Amino acid sequence: MRRRDFVRAIAYSTTAWPFTARAQQSGRSRLIGVLINNPENDPEMQASLVAFKQELQRLNWSDGVNARFDIRFTEGNLDQMRRLTKEMVAIQPDVIFVHSTPLVAAAQKETSTIPIVFVYVSDPVGWGFVASLARPGGNFTGLLLYEESIVGKWLGMLKEIAPQMKRVAFIANPKVPTYDYFLRTAQQSARSFAIELVPSPVDTATDIEGVIRSFADTPNGGLFFPPNVASNVHRDLI
């Protein structure tokens, strides 16, 4: 799905649950909180936010008219995620749009009443964000990012591209909640392709550079970056 279509879908779900019904009860401006797990200067994310606001405006939610936006960027920093989430909940927005699993986990600890719409989340049921995909329950709803079996397809594609490949570096930040979720499946899938999976934990840009340089010393290797803060924030470097 193209990112713009993805954002439009989220914009619709934000207005549909339960935002619209509450807005009909009052003419006051509604506060929409937005928590983004990317740097503020990320051009792709800025384009997505423009699309997000445009779609809400098409659905009659106009910034500065009947809606206000409080947008905060955590830049992939776990401590900043917790701090900014706490600050966001303290201002009591009418709804919060949350981007990524770590931020949703932080939001879950801070509120059980403010409606939250999430994106870029893997295994929302396993993490206890929702009761089920069909009936979320509680104050959380959103879109599943990746089902874990897709990891096998990614490794299969890598093996097809480079049949001689024998080793794959699994490069991700182990502090991120989804690390074990993808690592577990990657280890199982790697065995079926006769590939040695090499867990390669990273946090900073320096870590990523070191892992890639070190792994490249041995031939017939490949690099695998699962959905993770490290690969998202440092994608230009990678």
C-alpha atoms as a PDB file:
ATOM      1  CA  MET A   1       0.000   0.000   0.000  1.00  0.00           C
ATOM      2  CA  ARG A   2       1.312   3.448  -0.849  1.00  0.00           C
ATOM      3  CA  ARG A   3       2.088   5.560   2.205  1.00  0.00           C
ATOM      4  CA  ARG A   4      -0.386   8.263   1.148  1.00  0.00           C
ATOM      5  CA  ASP A   5      -3.224   5.718   0.889  1.00  0.00           C
ATOM      6  CA  PHE A   6      -2.138   4.298   4.234  1.00  0.00           C
ATOM      7  CA  VAL A   7      -2.349   7.707   5.907  1.00  0.00           C
ATOM      8  CA  ARG A   8      -5.748   8.317   4.346  1.00  0.00           C
ATOM      9  CA  ALA A   9      -7.010   5.076   5.833  1.00  0.00           C
ATOM     10  CA  ILE A  10      -5.800   6.125   9.263  1.00  0.00           C
ATOM     11  CA  ALA A  11      -7.293   9.581   8.889  1.00  0.00           C
ATOM     12  CA  TYR A  12     -10.633   7.963   8.169  1.00  0.00           C
ATOM     13  CA  SER A  13     -10.403   5.608  11.133  1.00  0.00           C
ATOM     14  CA  THR A  14      -9.479   8.549  13.381  1.00  0.00           C
ATOM     15  CA  THR A  15     -12.625  10.405  12.420  1.00  0.00           C
ATOM     16  CA  ALA A  16     -14.809   7.332  12.491  1.00  0.00           C
ATOM     17  CA  TRP A  17     -13.886   6.068  15.955  1.00  0.00           C
ATOM     18  CA  PRO A  18     -15.203   7.609  18.169  1.00  0.00           C
ATOM     19  CA  PHE A  19     -14.170  11.111  17.212  1.00  0.00           C
ATOM     20  CA  THR A  20     -17.071  12.080  14.969  1.00  0.00           C
ATOM     21  CA  ALA A  21     -19.802  11.118  17.394  1.00  0.00           C
ATOM     22  CA  ARG A  22     -18.236  13.184  20.149  1.00  0.00           C
ATOM     23  CA  ALA A  23     -17.719  16.166  17.868  1.00  0.00           C
ATOM     24  CA  GLN A  24     -21.383  16.258  16.976  1.00  0.00           C
ATOM     25  CA  GLN A  25     -22.166  16.927  20.614  1.00  0.00           C
ATOM     26  CA  SER A  26     -20.251  20.177  20.759  1.00  0.00           C
ATOM     27  CA  GLY A  27     -19.067  22.936  18.470  1.00  0.00           C
ATOM     28  CA  ARG A  28     -15.722  23.366  20.211  1.00  0.00           C
ATOM     29  CA  SER A  29     -12.393  22.750  18.476  1.00  0.00           C
ATOM     30  CA  ARG A  30     -10.978  19.258  18.981  1.00  0.00           C
ATOM     31  CA  LEU A  31      -7.382  18.602  19.963  1.00  0.00           C
ATOM     32  CA  ILE A  32      -5.641  15.858  17.989  1.00  0.00           C
ATOM     33  CA  GLY A  33      -2.401  14.610  19.514  1.00  0.00           C
ATOM     34  CA  VAL A  34       0.189  13.060  17.201  1.00  0.00           C
ATOM     35  CA  LEU A  35       3.218  11.078  18.412  1.00  0.00           C
ATOM     36  CA  ILE A  36       5.764  10.236  15.704  1.00  0.00           C
ATOM     37  CA  ASN A  37       8.767   7.949  16.149  1.00  0.00           C
ATOM     38  CA  ASN A  38      10.884   9.768  13.536  1.00  0.00           C
ATOM     39  CA  PRO A  39      13.016  12.910  13.480  1.00  0.00           C
ATOM     40  CA  GLU A  40      11.060  16.082  12.733  1.00  0.00           C
ATOM     41  CA  ASN A  41      13.203  16.783   9.666  1.00  0.00           C
ATOM     42  CA  ASP A  42      12.387  13.400   8.077  1.00  0.00           C
ATOM     43  CA  PRO A  43      11.035  14.434   4.638  1.00  0.00           C
ATOM     44  CA  GLU A  44       9.003  11.240   4.165  1.00  0.00           C
ATOM     45  CA  MET A  45       7.247  11.678   7.487  1.00  0.00           C
ATOM     46  CA  GLN A  46       6.593  15.362   6.818  1.00  0.00           C
ATOM     47  CA  ALA A  47       4.947  14.407   3.522  1.00  0.00           C
ATOM     48  CA  SER A  48       2.822  11.849   5.376  1.00  0.00           C
ATOM     49  CA  LEU A  49       1.691  14.436   7.912  1.00  0.00           C
ATOM     50  CA  VAL A  50       0.675  16.783   5.108  1.00  0.00           C
ATOM     51  CA  ALA A  51      -1.412  13.979   3.589  1.00  0.00           C
ATOM     52  CA  PHE A  52      -2.861  13.185   7.014  1.00  0.00           C
ATOM     53  CA  LYS A  53      -4.053  16.773   7.543  1.00  0.00           C
ATOM     54  CA  GLN A  54      -5.346  17.062   3.975  1.00  0.00           C
ATOM     55  CA  GLU A  55      -7.472  13.944   4.354  1.00  0.00           C
ATOM     56  CA  LEU A  56      -8.853  15.110   7.687  1.00  0.00           C
ATOM     57  CA  GLN A  57      -9.713  18.432   6.066  1.00  0.00           C
ATOM     58  CA  ARG A  58     -11.521  16.572   3.285  1.00  0.00           C
ATOM     59  CA  LEU A  59     -13.527  14.907   6.061  1.00  0.00           C
ATOM     60  CA  ASN A  60     -14.374  18.378   7.441  1.00  0.00           C
ATOM     61  CA  TRP A  61     -11.721  18.533  10.175  1.00  0.00           C
ATOM     62  CA  SER A  62      -9.733  21.700   9.441  1.00  0.00           C
ATOM     63  CA  ASP A  63      -6.651  22.766  11.345  1.00  0.00           C
ATOM     64  CA  GLY A  64      -7.352  26.069  13.085  1.00  0.00           C
ATOM     65  CA  VAL A  65     -11.105  25.850  12.466  1.00  0.00           C
ATOM     66  CA  ASN A  66     -12.607  22.901  14.321  1.00  0.00           C
ATOM     67  CA  ALA A  67      -9.387  20.964  14.976  1.00  0.00           C
ATOM     68  CA  ARG A  68      -5.987  21.666  16.494  1.00  0.00           C
ATOM     69  CA  PHE A  69      -2.886  19.499  16.195  1.00  0.00           C
ATOM     70  CA  ASP A  70      -0.183  18.886  18.777  1.00  0.00           C
ATOM     71  CA  ILE A  71       2.571  16.967  16.964  1.00  0.00           C
ATOM     72  CA  ARG A  72       5.634  15.624  18.772  1.00  0.00           C
ATOM     73  CA  PHE A  73       8.639  13.742  17.395  1.00  0.00           C
ATOM     74  CA  THR A  74      10.566  11.259  19.534  1.00  0.00           C
ATOM     75  CA  GLU A  75      13.407  10.660  17.014  1.00  0.00           C
ATOM     76  CA  GLY A  76      13.640   6.986  17.962  1.00  0.00           C
ATOM     77  CA  ASN A  77      14.819   7.793  21.493  1.00  0.00           C
ATOM     78  CA  LEU A  78      13.153   5.474  24.006  1.00  0.00           C
ATOM     79  CA  ASP A  79      13.548   7.876  26.947  1.00  0.00           C
ATOM     80  CA  GLN A  80      12.092  10.694  24.880  1.00  0.00           C
ATOM     81  CA  MET A  81       9.187   8.454  23.886  1.00  0.00           C
ATOM     82  CA  ARG A  82       8.209   7.983  27.513  1.00  0.00           C
ATOM     83  CA  ARG A  83       8.596  11.664  28.363  1.00  0.00           C
ATOM     84  CA  LEU A  84       6.695  13.022  25.360  1.00  0.00           C
ATOM     85  CA  THR A  85       3.917  10.447  25.759  1.00  0.00           C
ATOM     86  CA  LYS A  86       3.443  11.438  29.388  1.00  0.00           C
ATOM     87  CA  GLU A  87       3.315  15.115  28.365  1.00  0.00           C
ATOM     88  CA  MET A  88       0.841  14.362  25.576  1.00  0.00           C
ATOM     89  CA  VAL A  89      -1.544  12.498  27.876  1.00  0.00           C
ATOM     90  CA  ALA A  90      -1.319  15.311  30.433  1.00  0.00           C
ATOM     91  CA  ILE A  91      -2.868  17.825  28.002  1.00  0.00           C
ATOM     92  CA  GLN A  92      -5.848  15.455  27.493  1.00  0.00           C
ATOM     93  CA  PRO A  93      -6.335  15.536  23.705  1.00  0.00           C
ATOM     94  CA  ASP A  94      -9.579  14.193  22.248  1.00  0.00           C
ATOM     95  CA  VAL A  95      -7.682  11.494  20.358  1.00  0.00           C
ATOM     96  CA  ILE A  96      -4.026  10.524  19.896  1.00  0.00           C
ATOM     97  CA  PHE A  97      -2.549   9.218  16.650  1.00  0.00           C
ATOM     98  CA  VAL A  98       0.471   7.080  17.603  1.00  0.00           C
ATOM     99  CA  HIS A  99       3.227   5.843  15.270  1.00  0.00           C
ATOM    100  CA  SER A 100       5.172   2.639  16.112  1.00  0.00           C
ATOM    101  CA  THR A 101       5.061  -0.155  18.685  1.00  0.00           C
ATOM    102  CA  PRO A 102       7.325   1.448  21.350  1.00  0.00           C
ATOM    103  CA  LEU A 103       5.181   4.588  21.409  1.00  0.00           C
ATOM    104  CA  VAL A 104       1.968   2.595  21.696  1.00  0.00           C
ATOM    105  CA  ALA A 105       3.483   0.668  24.598  1.00  0.00           C
ATOM    106  CA  ALA A 106       4.347   3.971  26.268  1.00  0.00           C
ATOM    107  CA  ALA A 107       0.834   5.319  25.655  1.00  0.00           C
ATOM    108  CA  GLN A 108      -0.739   2.199  27.123  1.00  0.00           C
ATOM    109  CA  LYS A 109       1.047   2.849  30.418  1.00  0.00           C
ATOM    110  CA  GLU A 110      -0.224   6.428  30.553  1.00  0.00           C
ATOM    111  CA  THR A 111      -3.912   6.216  29.638  1.00  0.00           C
ATOM    112  CA  SER A 112      -6.792   3.771  29.404  1.00  0.00           C
ATOM    113  CA  THR A 113      -9.396   6.384  28.473  1.00  0.00           C
ATOM    114  CA  ILE A 114      -8.107   8.637  25.681  1.00  0.00           C
ATOM    115  CA  PRO A 115      -8.941   7.111  22.250  1.00  0.00           C
ATOM    116  CA  ILE A 116      -5.735   6.046  20.494  1.00  0.00           C
ATOM    117  CA  VAL A 117      -5.316   5.145  16.831  1.00  0.00           C
ATOM    118  CA  PHE A 118      -2.028   3.421  16.001  1.00  0.00           C
ATOM    119  CA  VAL A 119      -0.014   2.595  12.895  1.00  0.00           C
ATOM    120  CA  TYR A 120       3.315   0.833  12.277  1.00  0.00           C
ATOM    121  CA  VAL A 121       2.590  -1.709  15.017  1.00  0.00           C
ATOM    122  CA  SER A 122       3.392  -5.411  14.815  1.00  0.00           C
ATOM    123  CA  ASP A 123       1.643  -7.999  17.007  1.00  0.00           C
ATOM    124  CA  PRO A 124      -0.862  -5.638  18.710  1.00  0.00           C
ATOM    125  CA  VAL A 125      -2.682  -8.651  20.187  1.00  0.00           C
ATOM    126  CA  GLY A 126       0.491 -10.209  21.589  1.00  0.00           C
ATOM    127  CA  TRP A 127       1.447  -6.923  23.213  1.00  0.00           C
ATOM    128  CA  GLY A 128      -1.982  -6.546  24.757  1.00  0.00           C
ATOM    129  CA  PHE A 129      -2.846  -3.338  22.916  1.00  0.00           C
ATOM    130  CA  VAL A 130      -6.079  -4.879  21.604  1.00  0.00           C
ATOM    131  CA  ALA A 131      -8.119  -7.927  22.565  1.00  0.00           C
ATOM    132  CA  SER A 132      -8.289  -9.172  18.977  1.00  0.00           C
ATOM    133  CA  LEU A 133      -7.896  -7.854  15.447  1.00  0.00           C
ATOM    134  CA  ALA A 134     -11.625  -8.180  14.788  1.00  0.00           C
ATOM    135  CA  ARG A 135     -12.750  -6.611  18.093  1.00  0.00           C
ATOM    136  CA  PRO A 136     -10.027  -4.401  19.565  1.00  0.00           C
ATOM    137  CA  GLY A 137     -11.950  -3.324  22.691  1.00  0.00           C
ATOM    138  CA  GLY A 138     -10.583  -0.755  25.131  1.00  0.00           C
ATOM    139  CA  ASN A 139      -9.299   2.606  23.928  1.00  0.00           C
ATOM    140  CA  PHE A 140      -6.907   1.353  21.213  1.00  0.00           C
ATOM    141  CA  THR A 141      -7.516   0.633  17.538  1.00  0.00           C
ATOM    142  CA  GLY A 142      -5.392   0.824  14.403  1.00  0.00           C
ATOM    143  CA  LEU A 143      -3.659  -1.109  11.661  1.00  0.00           C
ATOM    144  CA  LEU A 144      -1.358  -4.122  11.930  1.00  0.00           C
ATOM    145  CA  LEU A 145       1.989  -3.471  10.254  1.00  0.00           C
ATOM    146  CA  TYR A 146       3.397  -6.948   9.566  1.00  0.00           C
ATOM    147  CA  GLU A 147       2.332 -10.439  10.528  1.00  0.00           C
ATOM    148  CA  GLU A 148       5.414 -12.339  11.704  1.00  0.00           C
ATOM    149  CA  SER A 149       5.366 -14.998   8.964  1.00  0.00           C
ATOM    150  CA  ILE A 150       6.353 -12.342   6.419  1.00  0.00           C
ATOM    151  CA  VAL A 151       9.903 -12.600   7.779  1.00  0.00           C
ATOM    152  CA  GLY A 152      10.219 -15.951   6.003  1.00  0.00           C
ATOM    153  CA  LYS A 153       9.213 -14.322   2.725  1.00  0.00           C
ATOM    154  CA  TRP A 154      11.827 -11.578   3.157  1.00  0.00           C
ATOM    155  CA  LEU A 155      14.599 -14.084   3.858  1.00  0.00           C
ATOM    156  CA  GLY A 156      13.395 -16.178   0.922  1.00  0.00           C
ATOM    157  CA  MET A 157      13.653 -13.138  -1.362  1.00  0.00           C
ATOM    158  CA  LEU A 158      17.179 -12.467  -0.115  1.00  0.00           C
ATOM    159  CA  LYS A 159      18.181 -16.083  -0.799  1.00  0.00           C
ATOM    160  CA  GLU A 160      16.648 -15.896  -4.281  1.00  0.00           C
ATOM    161  CA  ILE A 161      18.609 -12.726  -5.051  1.00  0.00           C
ATOM    162  CA  ALA A 162      21.860 -14.262  -3.793  1.00  0.00           C
ATOM    163  CA  PRO A 163      21.656 -18.090  -3.902  1.00  0.00           C
ATOM    164  CA  GLN A 164      25.239 -18.407  -2.649  1.00  0.00           C
ATOM    165  CA  MET A 165      24.366 -16.612   0.575  1.00  0.00           C
ATOM    166  CA  LYS A 166      25.204 -18.600   3.725  1.00  0.00           C
ATOM    167  CA  ARG A 167      24.981 -16.021   6.533  1.00  0.00           C
ATOM    168  CA  VAL A 168      22.557 -13.190   7.312  1.00  0.00           C
ATOM    169  CA  ALA A 169      23.059 -10.449   9.875  1.00  0.00           C
ATOM    170  CA  PHE A 170      19.843  -9.651  11.778  1.00  0.00           C
ATOM    171  CA  ILE A 171      20.432  -5.936  12.440  1.00  0.00           C
ATOM    172  CA  ALA A 172      18.085  -4.246  14.922  1.00  0.00           C
ATOM    173  CA  ASN A 173      17.879  -2.518  18.290  1.00  0.00           C
ATOM    174  CA  PRO A 174      17.112  -5.142  20.975  1.00  0.00           C
ATOM    175  CA  LYS A 175      15.564  -2.479  23.220  1.00  0.00           C
ATOM    176  CA  VAL A 176      12.627  -2.152  20.821  1.00  0.00           C
ATOM    177  CA  PRO A 177       9.618  -4.315  21.805  1.00  0.00           C
ATOM    178  CA  THR A 178       9.330  -6.067  18.426  1.00  0.00           C
ATOM    179  CA  TYR A 179      12.944  -7.283  18.386  1.00  0.00           C
ATOM    180  CA  ASP A 180      12.202 -10.735  19.828  1.00  0.00           C
ATOM    181  CA  TYR A 181       8.989 -11.006  17.804  1.00  0.00           C
ATOM    182  CA  PHE A 182      10.860 -10.844  14.488  1.00  0.00           C
ATOM    183  CA  LEU A 183      14.044 -12.566  15.695  1.00  0.00           C
ATOM    184  CA  ARG A 184      12.151 -15.696  16.762  1.00  0.00           C
ATOM    185  CA  THR A 185      10.567 -16.119  13.341  1.00  0.00           C
ATOM    186  CA  ALA A 186      13.762 -15.193  11.489  1.00  0.00           C
ATOM    187  CA  GLN A 187      15.681 -17.932  13.318  1.00  0.00           C
ATOM    188  CA  GLN A 188      13.099 -20.530  12.340  1.00  0.00           C
ATOM    189  CA  SER A 189      12.950 -19.381   8.724  1.00  0.00           C
ATOM    190  CA  ALA A 190      16.726 -19.168   8.344  1.00  0.00           C
ATOM    191  CA  ARG A 191      17.078 -22.873   9.146  1.00  0.00           C
ATOM    192  CA  SER A 192      14.672 -23.786   6.355  1.00  0.00           C
ATOM    193  CA  PHE A 193      16.872 -21.889   3.872  1.00  0.00           C
ATOM    194  CA  ALA A 194      20.125 -23.355   5.273  1.00  0.00           C
ATOM    195  CA  ILE A 195      21.167 -19.871   6.350  1.00  0.00           C
ATOM    196  CA  GLU A 196      23.068 -19.005   9.522  1.00  0.00           C
ATOM    197  CA  LEU A 197      21.268 -16.116  11.197  1.00  0.00           C
ATOM    198  CA  VAL A 198      23.634 -13.818  13.108  1.00  0.00           C
ATOM    199  CA  PRO A 199      21.867 -11.550  15.657  1.00  0.00           C
ATOM    200  CA  SER A 200      23.605  -8.170  15.396  1.00  0.00           C
ATOM    201  CA  PRO A 201      22.224  -5.767  18.020  1.00  0.00           C
ATOM    202  CA  VAL A 202      22.653  -2.053  17.315  1.00  0.00           C
ATOM    203  CA  ASP A 203      21.548   1.229  18.815  1.00  0.00           C
ATOM    204  CA  THR A 204      23.558   4.110  17.351  1.00  0.00           C
ATOM    205  CA  ALA A 205      24.811   4.987  13.885  1.00  0.00           C
ATOM    206  CA  THR A 206      28.291   3.937  14.996  1.00  0.00           C
ATOM    207  CA  ASP A 207      26.944   0.499  15.955  1.00  0.00           C
ATOM    208  CA  ILE A 208      25.416   0.030  12.513  1.00  0.00           C
ATOM    209  CA  GLU A 209      28.618   1.023  10.714  1.00  0.00           C
ATOM    210  CA  GLY A 210      30.645  -1.353  12.888  1.00  0.00           C
ATOM    211  CA  VAL A 211      28.312  -4.309  12.355  1.00  0.00           C
ATOM    212  CA  ILE A 212      28.242  -3.912   8.573  1.00  0.00           C
ATOM    213  CA  ARG A 213      32.027  -3.505   8.299  1.00  0.00           C
ATOM    214  CA  SER A 214      32.675  -6.524  10.505  1.00  0.00           C
ATOM    215  CA  PHE A 215      30.104  -8.735   8.785  1.00  0.00           C
ATOM    216  CA  ALA A 216      31.455  -7.845   5.337  1.00  0.00           C
ATOM    217  CA  ASP A 217      34.836  -9.386   6.185  1.00  0.00           C
ATOM    218  CA  THR A 218      33.397 -12.862   5.501  1.00  0.00           C
ATOM    219  CA  PRO A 219      31.995 -13.604   2.006  1.00  0.00           C
ATOM    220  CA  ASN A 220      28.542 -14.896   1.088  1.00  0.00           C
ATOM    221  CA  GLY A 221      26.718 -12.794   3.668  1.00  0.00           C
ATOM    222  CA  GLY A 222      23.528 -10.746   3.547  1.00  0.00           C
ATOM    223  CA  LEU A 223      21.983  -8.018   5.689  1.00  0.00           C
ATOM    224  CA  PHE A 224      18.472  -8.161   7.107  1.00  0.00           C
ATOM    225  CA  PHE A 225      16.864  -5.128   8.749  1.00  0.00           C
ATOM    226  CA  PRO A 226      13.481  -6.003  10.289  1.00  0.00           C
ATOM    227  CA  PRO A 227      11.011  -3.184  11.065  1.00  0.00           C
ATOM    228  CA  ASN A 228      12.842  -1.422  13.894  1.00  0.00           C
ATOM    229  CA  VAL A 229      13.728   2.032  15.211  1.00  0.00           C
ATOM    230  CA  ALA A 230      17.350   1.565  14.160  1.00  0.00           C
ATOM    231  CA  SER A 231      16.590   0.892  10.505  1.00  0.00           C
ATOM    232  CA  ASN A 232      13.930   3.603  10.397  1.00  0.00           C
ATOM    233  CA  VAL A 233      15.916   6.449  11.945  1.00  0.00           C
ATOM    234  CA  HIS A 234      19.209   5.537  10.236  1.00  0.00           C
ATOM    235  CA  ARG A 235      17.926   4.420   6.843  1.00  0.00           C
ATOM    236  CA  ASP A 236      19.961   7.032   4.932  1.00  0.00           C
ATOM    237  CA  LEU A 237      23.145   5.792   6.595  1.00  0.00           C
ATOM    238  CA  ILE A 238      22.278   2.178   5.834  1.00  0.00           C
END
